[in-house]
Amino acid sequence: MPAPASHDAYLAGQSPAHAALLTAFRARLAALLPEADEVISYAMPGFRQGGKVVAGYAGWVKHCSFYPHSGNVVPQFEGELAALGLGFTKSAVHFTADRPIPEDLLRRMIAARRAEIATK
């Protein structure tokens, strides 16, 4: 399956429930990254700033995921994510409508990714 051409195309291919959740998440990311460009990276919607992808998102069968496009960001927040009952891997945080990523946590994770990019 080819990569979607845009965020809108990606969202159009999601279930109605996931499309609504991801549309809202896209708006949250856009508000936190107003200078970033919307891109498709690894066949997923993302936000690129200064030549690096800062944040991405995707919908899966049972959840949606936030990707900071780094294997170093999520581990910094493991304890907090676990306490919130959010699933995660080294490179992604899984969320649902019932278990969203809190705004402050999302902001701090994006700040960590931006700081990481600034040091490279």
PDB file of N, CA and C in Angstrom:
ATOM      1  N   MET A   1       0.842  -1.170   0.000  1.00  0.00           N
ATOM      2  CA  MET A   1       0.000   0.000   0.000  1.00  0.00           C
ATOM      3  C   MET A   1       0.895   1.243   0.000  1.00  0.00           C
ATOM      4  N   PRO A   2       0.688   2.159  -0.910  1.00  0.00           N
ATOM      5  CA  PRO A   2       1.528   3.357  -0.969  1.00  0.00           C
ATOM      6  C   PRO A   2       1.245   4.300   0.204  1.00  0.00           C
ATOM      7  N   ALA A   3       2.236   5.119   0.522  1.00  0.00           N
ATOM      8  CA  ALA A   3       2.073   6.093   1.589  1.00  0.00           C
ATOM      9  C   ALA A   3       1.001   7.108   1.189  1.00  0.00           C
ATOM     10  N   PRO A   4       0.214   7.578   2.148  1.00  0.00           N
ATOM     11  CA  PRO A   4      -0.789   8.598   1.832  1.00  0.00           C
ATOM     12  C   PRO A   4      -0.105   9.887   1.378  1.00  0.00           C
ATOM     13  N   ALA A   5      -0.801  10.658   0.589  1.00  0.00           N
ATOM     14  CA  ALA A   5      -0.236  11.891   0.050  1.00  0.00           C
ATOM     15  C   ALA A   5      -0.258  13.045   1.049  1.00  0.00           C
ATOM     16  N   SER A   6      -1.104  12.959   2.059  1.00  0.00           N
ATOM     17  CA  SER A   6      -1.250  14.070   3.003  1.00  0.00           C
ATOM     18  C   SER A   6      -1.856  13.574   4.311  1.00  0.00           C
ATOM     19  N   HIS A   7      -1.880  14.440   5.292  1.00  0.00           N
ATOM     20  CA  HIS A   7      -2.547  14.111   6.554  1.00  0.00           C
ATOM     21  C   HIS A   7      -4.024  13.838   6.296  1.00  0.00           C
ATOM     22  N   ASP A   8      -4.648  14.666   5.479  1.00  0.00           N
ATOM     23  CA  ASP A   8      -6.072  14.471   5.190  1.00  0.00           C
ATOM     24  C   ASP A   8      -6.330  13.114   4.552  1.00  0.00           C
ATOM     25  N   ALA A   9      -5.474  12.715   3.629  1.00  0.00           N
ATOM     26  CA  ALA A   9      -5.636  11.409   2.974  1.00  0.00           C
ATOM     27  C   ALA A   9      -5.466  10.284   3.988  1.00  0.00           C
ATOM     28  N   TYR A  10      -4.502  10.419   4.886  1.00  0.00           N
ATOM     29  CA  TYR A  10      -4.299   9.407   5.917  1.00  0.00           C
ATOM     30  C   TYR A  10      -5.539   9.291   6.798  1.00  0.00           C
ATOM     31  N   LEU A  11      -6.046  10.411   7.252  1.00  0.00           N
ATOM     32  CA  LEU A  11      -7.216  10.407   8.132  1.00  0.00           C
ATOM     33  C   LEU A  11      -8.447   9.838   7.441  1.00  0.00           C
ATOM     34  N   ALA A  12      -8.577  10.089   6.138  1.00  0.00           N
ATOM     35  CA  ALA A  12      -9.720   9.571   5.385  1.00  0.00           C
ATOM     36  C   ALA A  12      -9.719   8.044   5.338  1.00  0.00           C
ATOM     37  N   GLY A  13      -8.568   7.435   5.505  1.00  0.00           N
ATOM     38  CA  GLY A  13      -8.461   5.976   5.479  1.00  0.00           C
ATOM     39  C   GLY A  13      -8.668   5.314   6.832  1.00  0.00           C
ATOM     40  N   GLN A  14      -8.921   6.091   7.863  1.00  0.00           N
ATOM     41  CA  GLN A  14      -9.113   5.557   9.211  1.00  0.00           C
ATOM     42  C   GLN A  14     -10.601   5.294   9.487  1.00  0.00           C
ATOM     43  N   SER A  15     -10.869   4.471  10.489  1.00  0.00           N
ATOM     44  CA  SER A  15     -12.249   4.263  10.918  1.00  0.00           C
ATOM     45  C   SER A  15     -12.792   5.600  11.404  1.00  0.00           C
ATOM     46  N   PRO A  16     -14.102   5.781  11.413  1.00  0.00           N
ATOM     47  CA  PRO A  16     -14.653   7.059  11.892  1.00  0.00           C
ATOM     48  C   PRO A  16     -14.188   7.430  13.298  1.00  0.00           C
ATOM     49  N   ALA A  17     -14.136   6.459  14.204  1.00  0.00           N
ATOM     50  CA  ALA A  17     -13.716   6.751  15.580  1.00  0.00           C
ATOM     51  C   ALA A  17     -12.256   7.175  15.623  1.00  0.00           C
ATOM     52  N   HIS A  18     -11.405   6.447  14.921  1.00  0.00           N
ATOM     53  CA  HIS A  18      -9.978   6.804  14.899  1.00  0.00           C
ATOM     54  C   HIS A  18      -9.764   8.118  14.158  1.00  0.00           C
ATOM     55  N   ALA A  19     -10.495   8.344  13.080  1.00  0.00           N
ATOM     56  CA  ALA A  19     -10.341   9.585  12.326  1.00  0.00           C
ATOM     57  C   ALA A  19     -10.654  10.784  13.216  1.00  0.00           C
ATOM     58  N   ALA A  20     -11.699  10.698  14.011  1.00  0.00           N
ATOM     59  CA  ALA A  20     -12.060  11.800  14.903  1.00  0.00           C
ATOM     60  C   ALA A  20     -10.985  12.014  15.970  1.00  0.00           C
ATOM     61  N   LEU A  21     -10.515  10.934  16.573  1.00  0.00           N
ATOM     62  CA  LEU A  21      -9.490  11.025  17.609  1.00  0.00           C
ATOM     63  C   LEU A  21      -8.188  11.580  17.031  1.00  0.00           C
ATOM     64  N   LEU A  22      -7.794  11.094  15.869  1.00  0.00           N
ATOM     65  CA  LEU A  22      -6.549  11.548  15.254  1.00  0.00           C
ATOM     66  C   LEU A  22      -6.652  12.972  14.707  1.00  0.00           C
ATOM     67  N   THR A  23      -7.818  13.371  14.255  1.00  0.00           N
ATOM     68  CA  THR A  23      -8.009  14.751  13.803  1.00  0.00           C
ATOM     69  C   THR A  23      -7.801  15.708  14.973  1.00  0.00           C
ATOM     70  N   ALA A  24      -8.353  15.363  16.112  1.00  0.00           N
ATOM     71  CA  ALA A  24      -8.161  16.187  17.307  1.00  0.00           C
ATOM     72  C   ALA A  24      -6.698  16.179  17.739  1.00  0.00           C
ATOM     73  N   PHE A  25      -6.040  15.027  17.639  1.00  0.00           N
ATOM     74  CA  PHE A  25      -4.631  14.931  18.018  1.00  0.00           C
ATOM     75  C   PHE A  25      -3.764  15.750  17.056  1.00  0.00           C
ATOM     76  N   ARG A  26      -4.092  15.698  15.794  1.00  0.00           N
ATOM     77  CA  ARG A  26      -3.388  16.516  14.789  1.00  0.00           C
ATOM     78  C   ARG A  26      -3.475  17.998  15.161  1.00  0.00           C
ATOM     79  N   ALA A  27      -4.648  18.446  15.564  1.00  0.00           N
ATOM     80  CA  ALA A  27      -4.828  19.850  15.950  1.00  0.00           C
ATOM     81  C   ALA A  27      -3.998  20.182  17.190  1.00  0.00           C
ATOM     82  N   ARG A  28      -3.911  19.262  18.132  1.00  0.00           N
ATOM     83  CA  ARG A  28      -3.091  19.469  19.320  1.00  0.00           C
ATOM     84  C   ARG A  28      -1.626  19.620  18.931  1.00  0.00           C
ATOM     85  N   LEU A  29      -1.148  18.735  18.061  1.00  0.00           N
ATOM     86  CA  LEU A  29       0.243  18.812  17.617  1.00  0.00           C
ATOM     87  C   LEU A  29       0.500  20.110  16.853  1.00  0.00           C
ATOM     88  N   ALA A  30      -0.411  20.474  15.980  1.00  0.00           N
ATOM     89  CA  ALA A  30      -0.253  21.713  15.200  1.00  0.00           C
ATOM     90  C   ALA A  30      -0.186  22.931  16.121  1.00  0.00           C
ATOM     91  N   ALA A  31      -0.975  22.932  17.182  1.00  0.00           N
ATOM     92  CA  ALA A  31      -0.944  24.053  18.130  1.00  0.00           C
ATOM     93  C   ALA A  31       0.375  24.105  18.898  1.00  0.00           C
ATOM     94  N   LEU A  32       0.933  22.936  19.194  1.00  0.00           N
ATOM     95  CA  LEU A  32       2.212  22.875  19.921  1.00  0.00           C
ATOM     96  C   LEU A  32       3.405  23.111  19.008  1.00  0.00           C
ATOM     97  N   LEU A  33       3.212  22.938  17.712  1.00  0.00           N
ATOM     98  CA  LEU A  33       4.294  23.080  16.732  1.00  0.00           C
ATOM     99  C   LEU A  33       3.862  24.014  15.594  1.00  0.00           C
ATOM    100  N   PRO A  34       3.537  25.262  15.908  1.00  0.00           N
ATOM    101  CA  PRO A  34       2.991  26.147  14.875  1.00  0.00           C
ATOM    102  C   PRO A  34       3.947  26.442  13.723  1.00  0.00           C
ATOM    103  N   GLU A  35       5.258  26.306  13.943  1.00  0.00           N
ATOM    104  CA  GLU A  35       6.221  26.584  12.876  1.00  0.00           C
ATOM    105  C   GLU A  35       6.528  25.358  12.031  1.00  0.00           C
ATOM    106  N   ALA A  36       6.033  24.218  12.417  1.00  0.00           N
ATOM    107  CA  ALA A  36       6.366  22.962  11.740  1.00  0.00           C
ATOM    108  C   ALA A  36       5.535  22.771  10.472  1.00  0.00           C
ATOM    109  N   ASP A  37       6.102  22.000   9.555  1.00  0.00           N
ATOM    110  CA  ASP A  37       5.411  21.624   8.321  1.00  0.00           C
ATOM    111  C   ASP A  37       4.796  20.245   8.492  1.00  0.00           C
ATOM    112  N   GLU A  38       3.611  20.057   7.944  1.00  0.00           N
ATOM    113  CA  GLU A  38       2.998  18.738   7.939  1.00  0.00           C
ATOM    114  C   GLU A  38       3.663  17.912   6.841  1.00  0.00           C
ATOM    115  N   VAL A  39       4.066  16.700   7.188  1.00  0.00           N
ATOM    116  CA  VAL A  39       4.732  15.801   6.250  1.00  0.00           C
ATOM    117  C   VAL A  39       4.206  14.380   6.442  1.00  0.00           C
ATOM    118  N   ILE A  40       4.541  13.537   5.506  1.00  0.00           N
ATOM    119  CA  ILE A  40       4.337  12.097   5.651  1.00  0.00           C
ATOM    120  C   ILE A  40       5.723  11.495   5.803  1.00  0.00           C
ATOM    121  N   SER A  41       5.935  10.764   6.892  1.00  0.00           N
ATOM    122  CA  SER A  41       7.222  10.139   7.172  1.00  0.00           C
ATOM    123  C   SER A  41       6.959   8.720   7.655  1.00  0.00           C
ATOM    124  N   TYR A  42       7.645   7.761   7.075  1.00  0.00           N
ATOM    125  CA  TYR A  42       7.402   6.351   7.391  1.00  0.00           C
ATOM    126  C   TYR A  42       5.927   5.991   7.172  1.00  0.00           C
ATOM    127  N   ALA A  43       5.330   6.561   6.142  1.00  0.00           N
ATOM    128  CA  ALA A  43       3.933   6.328   5.747  1.00  0.00           C
ATOM    129  C   ALA A  43       2.926   6.795   6.798  1.00  0.00           C
ATOM    130  N   MET A  44       3.367   7.691   7.699  1.00  0.00           N
ATOM    131  CA  MET A  44       2.503   8.224   8.744  1.00  0.00           C
ATOM    132  C   MET A  44       2.557   9.748   8.713  1.00  0.00           C
ATOM    133  N   PRO A  45       1.495  10.413   9.163  1.00  0.00           N
ATOM    134  CA  PRO A  45       1.519  11.870   9.264  1.00  0.00           C
ATOM    135  C   PRO A  45       2.504  12.310  10.340  1.00  0.00           C
ATOM    136  N   GLY A  46       3.205  13.392  10.056  1.00  0.00           N
ATOM    137  CA  GLY A  46       4.148  13.925  11.019  1.00  0.00           C
ATOM    138  C   GLY A  46       4.312  15.422  10.869  1.00  0.00           C
ATOM    139  N   PHE A  47       5.058  15.996  11.778  1.00  0.00           N
ATOM    140  CA  PHE A  47       5.359  17.423  11.776  1.00  0.00           C
ATOM    141  C   PHE A  47       6.876  17.582  11.778  1.00  0.00           C
ATOM    142  N   ARG A  48       7.372  18.271  10.761  1.00  0.00           N
ATOM    143  CA  ARG A  48       8.815  18.467  10.612  1.00  0.00           C
ATOM    144  C   ARG A  48       9.170  19.924  10.873  1.00  0.00           C
ATOM    145  N   GLN A  49      10.250  20.079  11.612  1.00  0.00           N
ATOM    146  CA  GLN A  49      10.742  21.417  11.914  1.00  0.00           C
ATOM    147  C   GLN A  49      12.263  21.384  11.817  1.00  0.00           C
ATOM    148  N   GLY A  50      12.825  22.323  11.081  1.00  0.00           N
ATOM    149  CA  GLY A  50      14.273  22.369  10.946  1.00  0.00           C
ATOM    150  C   GLY A  50      14.858  21.131  10.308  1.00  0.00           C
ATOM    151  N   GLY A  51      14.126  20.518   9.405  1.00  0.00           N
ATOM    152  CA  GLY A  51      14.616  19.341   8.703  1.00  0.00           C
ATOM    153  C   GLY A  51      14.451  18.022   9.437  1.00  0.00           C
ATOM    154  N   LYS A  52      13.928  18.035  10.653  1.00  0.00           N
ATOM    155  CA  LYS A  52      13.740  16.813  11.446  1.00  0.00           C
ATOM    156  C   LYS A  52      12.274  16.646  11.810  1.00  0.00           C
ATOM    157  N   VAL A  53      11.800  15.411  11.790  1.00  0.00           N
ATOM    158  CA  VAL A  53      10.432  15.145  12.225  1.00  0.00           C
ATOM    159  C   VAL A  53      10.407  15.173  13.749  1.00  0.00           C
ATOM    160  N   VAL A  54       9.541  15.998  14.294  1.00  0.00           N
ATOM    161  CA  VAL A  54       9.426  16.196  15.735  1.00  0.00           C
ATOM    162  C   VAL A  54       8.352  15.295  16.324  1.00  0.00           C
ATOM    163  N   ALA A  55       7.273  15.091  15.585  1.00  0.00           N
ATOM    164  CA  ALA A  55       6.143  14.326  16.105  1.00  0.00           C
ATOM    165  C   ALA A  55       5.353  13.715  14.954  1.00  0.00           C
ATOM    166  N   GLY A  56       4.839  12.523  15.200  1.00  0.00           N
ATOM    167  CA  GLY A  56       3.978  11.859  14.230  1.00  0.00           C
ATOM    168  C   GLY A  56       2.873  11.117  14.949  1.00  0.00           C
ATOM    169  N   TYR A  57       1.923  10.637  14.176  1.00  0.00           N
ATOM    170  CA  TYR A  57       0.813   9.896  14.770  1.00  0.00           C
ATOM    171  C   TYR A  57       0.307   8.856  13.790  1.00  0.00           C
ATOM    172  N   ALA A  58      -0.394   7.851  14.318  1.00  0.00           N
ATOM    173  CA  ALA A  58      -0.947   6.793  13.476  1.00  0.00           C
ATOM    174  C   ALA A  58      -2.110   6.120  14.193  1.00  0.00           C
ATOM    175  N   GLY A  59      -2.970   5.522  13.407  1.00  0.00           N
ATOM    176  CA  GLY A  59      -4.089   4.759  13.945  1.00  0.00           C
ATOM    177  C   GLY A  59      -3.870   3.280  13.708  1.00  0.00           C
ATOM    178  N   TRP A  60      -4.164   2.484  14.691  1.00  0.00           N
ATOM    179  CA  TRP A  60      -4.046   1.031  14.606  1.00  0.00           C
ATOM    180  C   TRP A  60      -5.398   0.428  14.975  1.00  0.00           C
ATOM    181  N   VAL A  61      -5.501  -0.865  14.991  1.00  0.00           N
ATOM    182  CA  VAL A  61      -6.790  -1.514  15.218  1.00  0.00           C
ATOM    183  C   VAL A  61      -7.391  -1.145  16.572  1.00  0.00           C
ATOM    184  N   LYS A  62      -6.599  -1.235  17.639  1.00  0.00           N
ATOM    185  CA  LYS A  62      -7.146  -1.042  18.980  1.00  0.00           C
ATOM    186  C   LYS A  62      -6.763   0.276  19.642  1.00  0.00           C
ATOM    187  N   HIS A  63      -5.887   1.042  19.025  1.00  0.00           N
ATOM    188  CA  HIS A  63      -5.441   2.291  19.633  1.00  0.00           C
ATOM    189  C   HIS A  63      -4.843   3.203  18.569  1.00  0.00           C
ATOM    190  N   CYS A  64      -4.508   4.390  18.991  1.00  0.00           N
ATOM    191  CA  CYS A  64      -3.743   5.324  18.165  1.00  0.00           C
ATOM    192  C   CYS A  64      -2.392   5.493  18.845  1.00  0.00           C
ATOM    193  N   SER A  65      -1.426   6.012  18.102  1.00  0.00           N
ATOM    194  CA  SER A  65      -0.092   6.165  18.669  1.00  0.00           C
ATOM    195  C   SER A  65       0.507   7.520  18.335  1.00  0.00           C
ATOM    196  N   PHE A  66       1.287   8.008  19.273  1.00  0.00           N
ATOM    197  CA  PHE A  66       2.090   9.211  19.098  1.00  0.00           C
ATOM    198  C   PHE A  66       3.540   8.766  18.975  1.00  0.00           C
ATOM    199  N   TYR A  67       4.223   9.290  17.978  1.00  0.00           N
ATOM    200  CA  TYR A  67       5.624   8.953  17.715  1.00  0.00           C
ATOM    201  C   TYR A  67       6.481  10.213  17.784  1.00  0.00           C
ATOM    202  N   PRO A  68       7.396  10.316  18.748  1.00  0.00           N
ATOM    203  CA  PRO A  68       8.303  11.454  18.767  1.00  0.00           C
ATOM    204  C   PRO A  68       9.494  11.284  17.808  1.00  0.00           C
ATOM    205  N   HIS A  69       9.485  10.230  17.028  1.00  0.00           N
ATOM    206  CA  HIS A  69      10.535   9.956  16.036  1.00  0.00           C
ATOM    207  C   HIS A  69      11.922   9.926  16.668  1.00  0.00           C
ATOM    208  N   SER A  70      11.986   9.303  17.824  1.00  0.00           N
ATOM    209  CA  SER A  70      13.232   9.115  18.548  1.00  0.00           C
ATOM    210  C   SER A  70      13.040   7.978  19.533  1.00  0.00           C
ATOM    211  N   GLY A  71      14.044   7.169  19.685  1.00  0.00           N
ATOM    212  CA  GLY A  71      13.982   6.109  20.682  1.00  0.00           C
ATOM    213  C   GLY A  71      14.410   6.575  22.062  1.00  0.00           C
ATOM    214  N   ASN A  72      14.723   7.856  22.183  1.00  0.00           N
ATOM    215  CA  ASN A  72      15.213   8.382  23.458  1.00  0.00           C
ATOM    216  C   ASN A  72      14.176   9.177  24.244  1.00  0.00           C
ATOM    217  N   VAL A  73      13.101   9.594  23.613  1.00  0.00           N
ATOM    218  CA  VAL A  73      12.135  10.468  24.285  1.00  0.00           C
ATOM    219  C   VAL A  73      11.196   9.677  25.185  1.00  0.00           C
ATOM    220  N   VAL A  74      10.521   8.676  24.672  1.00  0.00           N
ATOM    221  CA  VAL A  74       9.524   7.940  25.463  1.00  0.00           C
ATOM    222  C   VAL A  74      10.128   7.360  26.744  1.00  0.00           C
ATOM    223  N   PRO A  75      11.330   6.759  26.706  1.00  0.00           N
ATOM    224  CA  PRO A  75      11.884   6.212  27.952  1.00  0.00           C
ATOM    225  C   PRO A  75      12.039   7.234  29.074  1.00  0.00           C
ATOM    226  N   GLN A  76      12.184   8.506  28.741  1.00  0.00           N
ATOM    227  CA  GLN A  76      12.296   9.549  29.764  1.00  0.00           C
ATOM    228  C   GLN A  76      10.998   9.701  30.569  1.00  0.00           C
ATOM    229  N   PHE A  77       9.888   9.231  30.019  1.00  0.00           N
ATOM    230  CA  PHE A  77       8.571   9.435  30.631  1.00  0.00           C
ATOM    231  C   PHE A  77       7.897   8.116  31.011  1.00  0.00           C
ATOM    232  N   GLU A  78       8.639   7.013  31.025  1.00  0.00           N
ATOM    233  CA  GLU A  78       8.051   5.691  31.273  1.00  0.00           C
ATOM    234  C   GLU A  78       7.237   5.620  32.556  1.00  0.00           C
ATOM    235  N   GLY A  79       7.781   6.134  33.645  1.00  0.00           N
ATOM    236  CA  GLY A  79       7.076   6.071  34.925  1.00  0.00           C
ATOM    237  C   GLY A  79       5.750   6.804  34.887  1.00  0.00           C
ATOM    238  N   GLU A  80       5.756   7.967  34.309  1.00  0.00           N
ATOM    239  CA  GLU A  80       4.534   8.767  34.205  1.00  0.00           C
ATOM    240  C   GLU A  80       3.515   8.103  33.286  1.00  0.00           C
ATOM    241  N   LEU A  81       3.988   7.565  32.166  1.00  0.00           N
ATOM    242  CA  LEU A  81       3.090   6.873  31.231  1.00  0.00           C
ATOM    243  C   LEU A  81       2.455   5.657  31.889  1.00  0.00           C
ATOM    244  N   ALA A  82       3.266   4.886  32.598  1.00  0.00           N
ATOM    245  CA  ALA A  82       2.747   3.701  33.281  1.00  0.00           C
ATOM    246  C   ALA A  82       1.725   4.095  34.345  1.00  0.00           C
ATOM    247  N   ALA A  83       2.005   5.150  35.098  1.00  0.00           N
ATOM    248  CA  ALA A  83       1.074   5.599  36.145  1.00  0.00           C
ATOM    249  C   ALA A  83      -0.263   6.032  35.555  1.00  0.00           C
ATOM    250  N   LEU A  84      -0.242   6.545  34.326  1.00  0.00           N
ATOM    251  CA  LEU A  84      -1.471   6.965  33.645  1.00  0.00           C
ATOM    252  C   LEU A  84      -2.190   5.798  32.970  1.00  0.00           C
ATOM    253  N   GLY A  85      -1.557   4.632  32.952  1.00  0.00           N
ATOM    254  CA  GLY A  85      -2.160   3.475  32.297  1.00  0.00           C
ATOM    255  C   GLY A  85      -2.061   3.514  30.784  1.00  0.00           C
ATOM    256  N   LEU A  86      -1.127   4.317  30.275  1.00  0.00           N
ATOM    257  CA  LEU A  86      -0.930   4.403  28.820  1.00  0.00           C
ATOM    258  C   LEU A  86       0.078   3.346  28.384  1.00  0.00           C
ATOM    259  N   GLY A  87      -0.231   2.672  27.286  1.00  0.00           N
ATOM    260  CA  GLY A  87       0.714   1.725  26.727  1.00  0.00           C
ATOM    261  C   GLY A  87       1.804   2.476  25.990  1.00  0.00           C
ATOM    262  N   PHE A  88       2.976   1.870  25.904  1.00  0.00           N
ATOM    263  CA  PHE A  88       4.070   2.518  25.199  1.00  0.00           C
ATOM    264  C   PHE A  88       5.129   1.495  24.814  1.00  0.00           C
ATOM    265  N   THR A  89       5.937   1.887  23.862  1.00  0.00           N
ATOM    266  CA  THR A  89       7.134   1.161  23.474  1.00  0.00           C
ATOM    267  C   THR A  89       8.278   2.158  23.564  1.00  0.00           C
ATOM    268  N   LYS A  90       9.458   1.762  23.146  1.00  0.00           N
ATOM    269  CA  LYS A  90      10.609   2.671  23.170  1.00  0.00           C
ATOM    270  C   LYS A  90      10.374   3.899  22.294  1.00  0.00           C
ATOM    271  N   SER A  91       9.552   3.746  21.258  1.00  0.00           N
ATOM    272  CA  SER A  91       9.405   4.839  20.294  1.00  0.00           C
ATOM    273  C   SER A  91       7.977   5.338  20.099  1.00  0.00           C
ATOM    274  N   ALA A  92       7.016   4.857  20.900  1.00  0.00           N
ATOM    275  CA  ALA A  92       5.624   5.267  20.697  1.00  0.00           C
ATOM    276  C   ALA A  92       4.839   5.249  22.006  1.00  0.00           C
ATOM    277  N   VAL A  93       3.831   6.107  22.051  1.00  0.00           N
ATOM    278  CA  VAL A  93       2.873   6.121  23.163  1.00  0.00           C
ATOM    279  C   VAL A  93       1.513   5.814  22.568  1.00  0.00           C
ATOM    280  N   HIS A  94       0.826   4.826  23.126  1.00  0.00           N
ATOM    281  CA  HIS A  94      -0.481   4.421  22.625  1.00  0.00           C
ATOM    282  C   HIS A  94      -1.572   5.120  23.433  1.00  0.00           C
ATOM    283  N   PHE A  95      -2.591   5.591  22.725  1.00  0.00           N
ATOM    284  CA  PHE A  95      -3.681   6.276  23.401  1.00  0.00           C
ATOM    285  C   PHE A  95      -5.009   5.945  22.737  1.00  0.00           C
ATOM    286  N   THR A  96      -6.073   6.185  23.479  1.00  0.00           N
ATOM    287  CA  THR A  96      -7.437   5.979  22.994  1.00  0.00           C
ATOM    288  C   THR A  96      -8.264   7.187  23.436  1.00  0.00           C
ATOM    289  N   ALA A  97      -9.502   7.222  23.014  1.00  0.00           N
ATOM    290  CA  ALA A  97     -10.397   8.297  23.458  1.00  0.00           C
ATOM    291  C   ALA A  97     -10.584   8.235  24.968  1.00  0.00           C
ATOM    292  N   ASP A  98     -10.593   7.028  25.534  1.00  0.00           N
ATOM    293  CA  ASP A  98     -10.754   6.856  26.972  1.00  0.00           C
ATOM    294  C   ASP A  98      -9.478   7.127  27.752  1.00  0.00           C
ATOM    295  N   ARG A  99      -8.345   6.988  27.104  1.00  0.00           N
ATOM    296  CA  ARG A  99      -7.045   7.215  27.735  1.00  0.00           C
ATOM    297  C   ARG A  99      -6.192   8.109  26.840  1.00  0.00           C
ATOM    298  N   PRO A 100      -6.499   9.398  26.812  1.00  0.00           N
ATOM    299  CA  PRO A 100      -5.712  10.317  25.981  1.00  0.00           C
ATOM    300  C   PRO A 100      -4.381  10.670  26.651  1.00  0.00           C
ATOM    301  N   ILE A 101      -3.486  11.220  25.881  1.00  0.00           N
ATOM    302  CA  ILE A 101      -2.232  11.732  26.433  1.00  0.00           C
ATOM    303  C   ILE A 101      -2.537  13.125  26.995  1.00  0.00           C
ATOM    304  N   PRO A 102      -2.306  13.349  28.282  1.00  0.00           N
ATOM    305  CA  PRO A 102      -2.583  14.669  28.860  1.00  0.00           C
ATOM    306  C   PRO A 102      -1.781  15.769  28.149  1.00  0.00           C
ATOM    307  N   GLU A 103      -2.367  16.941  28.061  1.00  0.00           N
ATOM    308  CA  GLU A 103      -1.750  18.055  27.334  1.00  0.00           C
ATOM    309  C   GLU A 103      -0.369  18.396  27.861  1.00  0.00           C
ATOM    310  N   ASP A 104      -0.217  18.482  29.161  1.00  0.00           N
ATOM    311  CA  ASP A 104       1.080  18.831  29.726  1.00  0.00           C
ATOM    312  C   ASP A 104       2.140  17.786  29.389  1.00  0.00           C
ATOM    313  N   LEU A 105       1.778  16.528  29.453  1.00  0.00           N
ATOM    314  CA  LEU A 105       2.716  15.459  29.128  1.00  0.00           C
ATOM    315  C   LEU A 105       3.101  15.519  27.650  1.00  0.00           C
ATOM    316  N   LEU A 106       2.139  15.710  26.783  1.00  0.00           N
ATOM    317  CA  LEU A 106       2.433  15.822  25.353  1.00  0.00           C
ATOM    318  C   LEU A 106       3.368  16.997  25.093  1.00  0.00           C
ATOM    319  N   ARG A 107       3.088  18.115  25.722  1.00  0.00           N
ATOM    320  CA  ARG A 107       3.942  19.304  25.557  1.00  0.00           C
ATOM    321  C   ARG A 107       5.374  19.014  26.004  1.00  0.00           C
ATOM    322  N   ARG A 108       5.532  18.339  27.140  1.00  0.00           N
ATOM    323  CA  ARG A 108       6.866  18.030  27.650  1.00  0.00           C
ATOM    324  C   ARG A 108       7.598  17.023  26.771  1.00  0.00           C
ATOM    325  N   MET A 109       6.870  16.065  26.210  1.00  0.00           N
ATOM    326  CA  MET A 109       7.503  15.088  25.315  1.00  0.00           C
ATOM    327  C   MET A 109       7.983  15.774  24.032  1.00  0.00           C
ATOM    328  N   ILE A 110       7.186  16.678  23.514  1.00  0.00           N
ATOM    329  CA  ILE A 110       7.599  17.418  22.326  1.00  0.00           C
ATOM    330  C   ILE A 110       8.792  18.311  22.651  1.00  0.00           C
ATOM    331  N   ALA A 111       8.782  18.932  23.812  1.00  0.00           N
ATOM    332  CA  ALA A 111       9.922  19.755  24.224  1.00  0.00           C
ATOM    333  C   ALA A 111      11.192  18.904  24.326  1.00  0.00           C
ATOM    334  N   ALA A 112      11.057  17.690  24.841  1.00  0.00           N
ATOM    335  CA  ALA A 112      12.216  16.799  24.929  1.00  0.00           C
ATOM    336  C   ALA A 112      12.739  16.453  23.536  1.00  0.00           C
ATOM    337  N   ARG A 113      11.852  16.205  22.610  1.00  0.00           N
ATOM    338  CA  ARG A 113      12.280  15.891  21.229  1.00  0.00           C
ATOM    339  C   ARG A 113      12.946  17.101  20.594  1.00  0.00           C
ATOM    340  N   ARG A 114      12.368  18.271  20.790  1.00  0.00           N
ATOM    341  CA  ARG A 114      12.975  19.483  20.230  1.00  0.00           C
ATOM    342  C   ARG A 114      14.352  19.739  20.816  1.00  0.00           C
ATOM    343  N   ALA A 115      14.499  19.516  22.111  1.00  0.00           N
ATOM    344  CA  ALA A 115      15.805  19.683  22.767  1.00  0.00           C
ATOM    345  C   ALA A 115      16.813  18.683  22.197  1.00  0.00           C
ATOM    346  N   GLU A 116      16.360  17.462  21.978  1.00  0.00           N
ATOM    347  CA  GLU A 116      17.232  16.440  21.406  1.00  0.00           C
ATOM    348  C   GLU A 116      17.711  16.855  20.020  1.00  0.00           C
ATOM    349  N   ILE A 117      16.804  17.356  19.216  1.00  0.00           N
ATOM    350  CA  ILE A 117      17.160  17.804  17.857  1.00  0.00           C
ATOM    351  C   ILE A 117      18.161  18.954  17.919  1.00  0.00           C
ATOM    352  N   ALA A 118      17.964  19.859  18.863  1.00  0.00           N
ATOM    353  CA  ALA A 118      18.837  21.038  18.974  1.00  0.00           C
ATOM    354  C   ALA A 118      20.267  20.669  19.312  1.00  0.00           C
ATOM    355  N   THR A 119      20.469  19.526  19.971  1.00  0.00           N
ATOM    356  CA  THR A 119      21.825  19.118  20.362  1.00  0.00           C
ATOM    357  C   THR A 119      22.539  18.312  19.291  1.00  0.00           C
ATOM    358  N   LYS A 120      21.829  17.980  18.224  1.00  0.00           N
ATOM    359  CA  LYS A 120      22.449  17.161  17.169  1.00  0.00           C
ATOM    360  C   LYS A 120      23.012  18.014  16.075  1.00  0.00           C
TER     361      LYS A 120
END
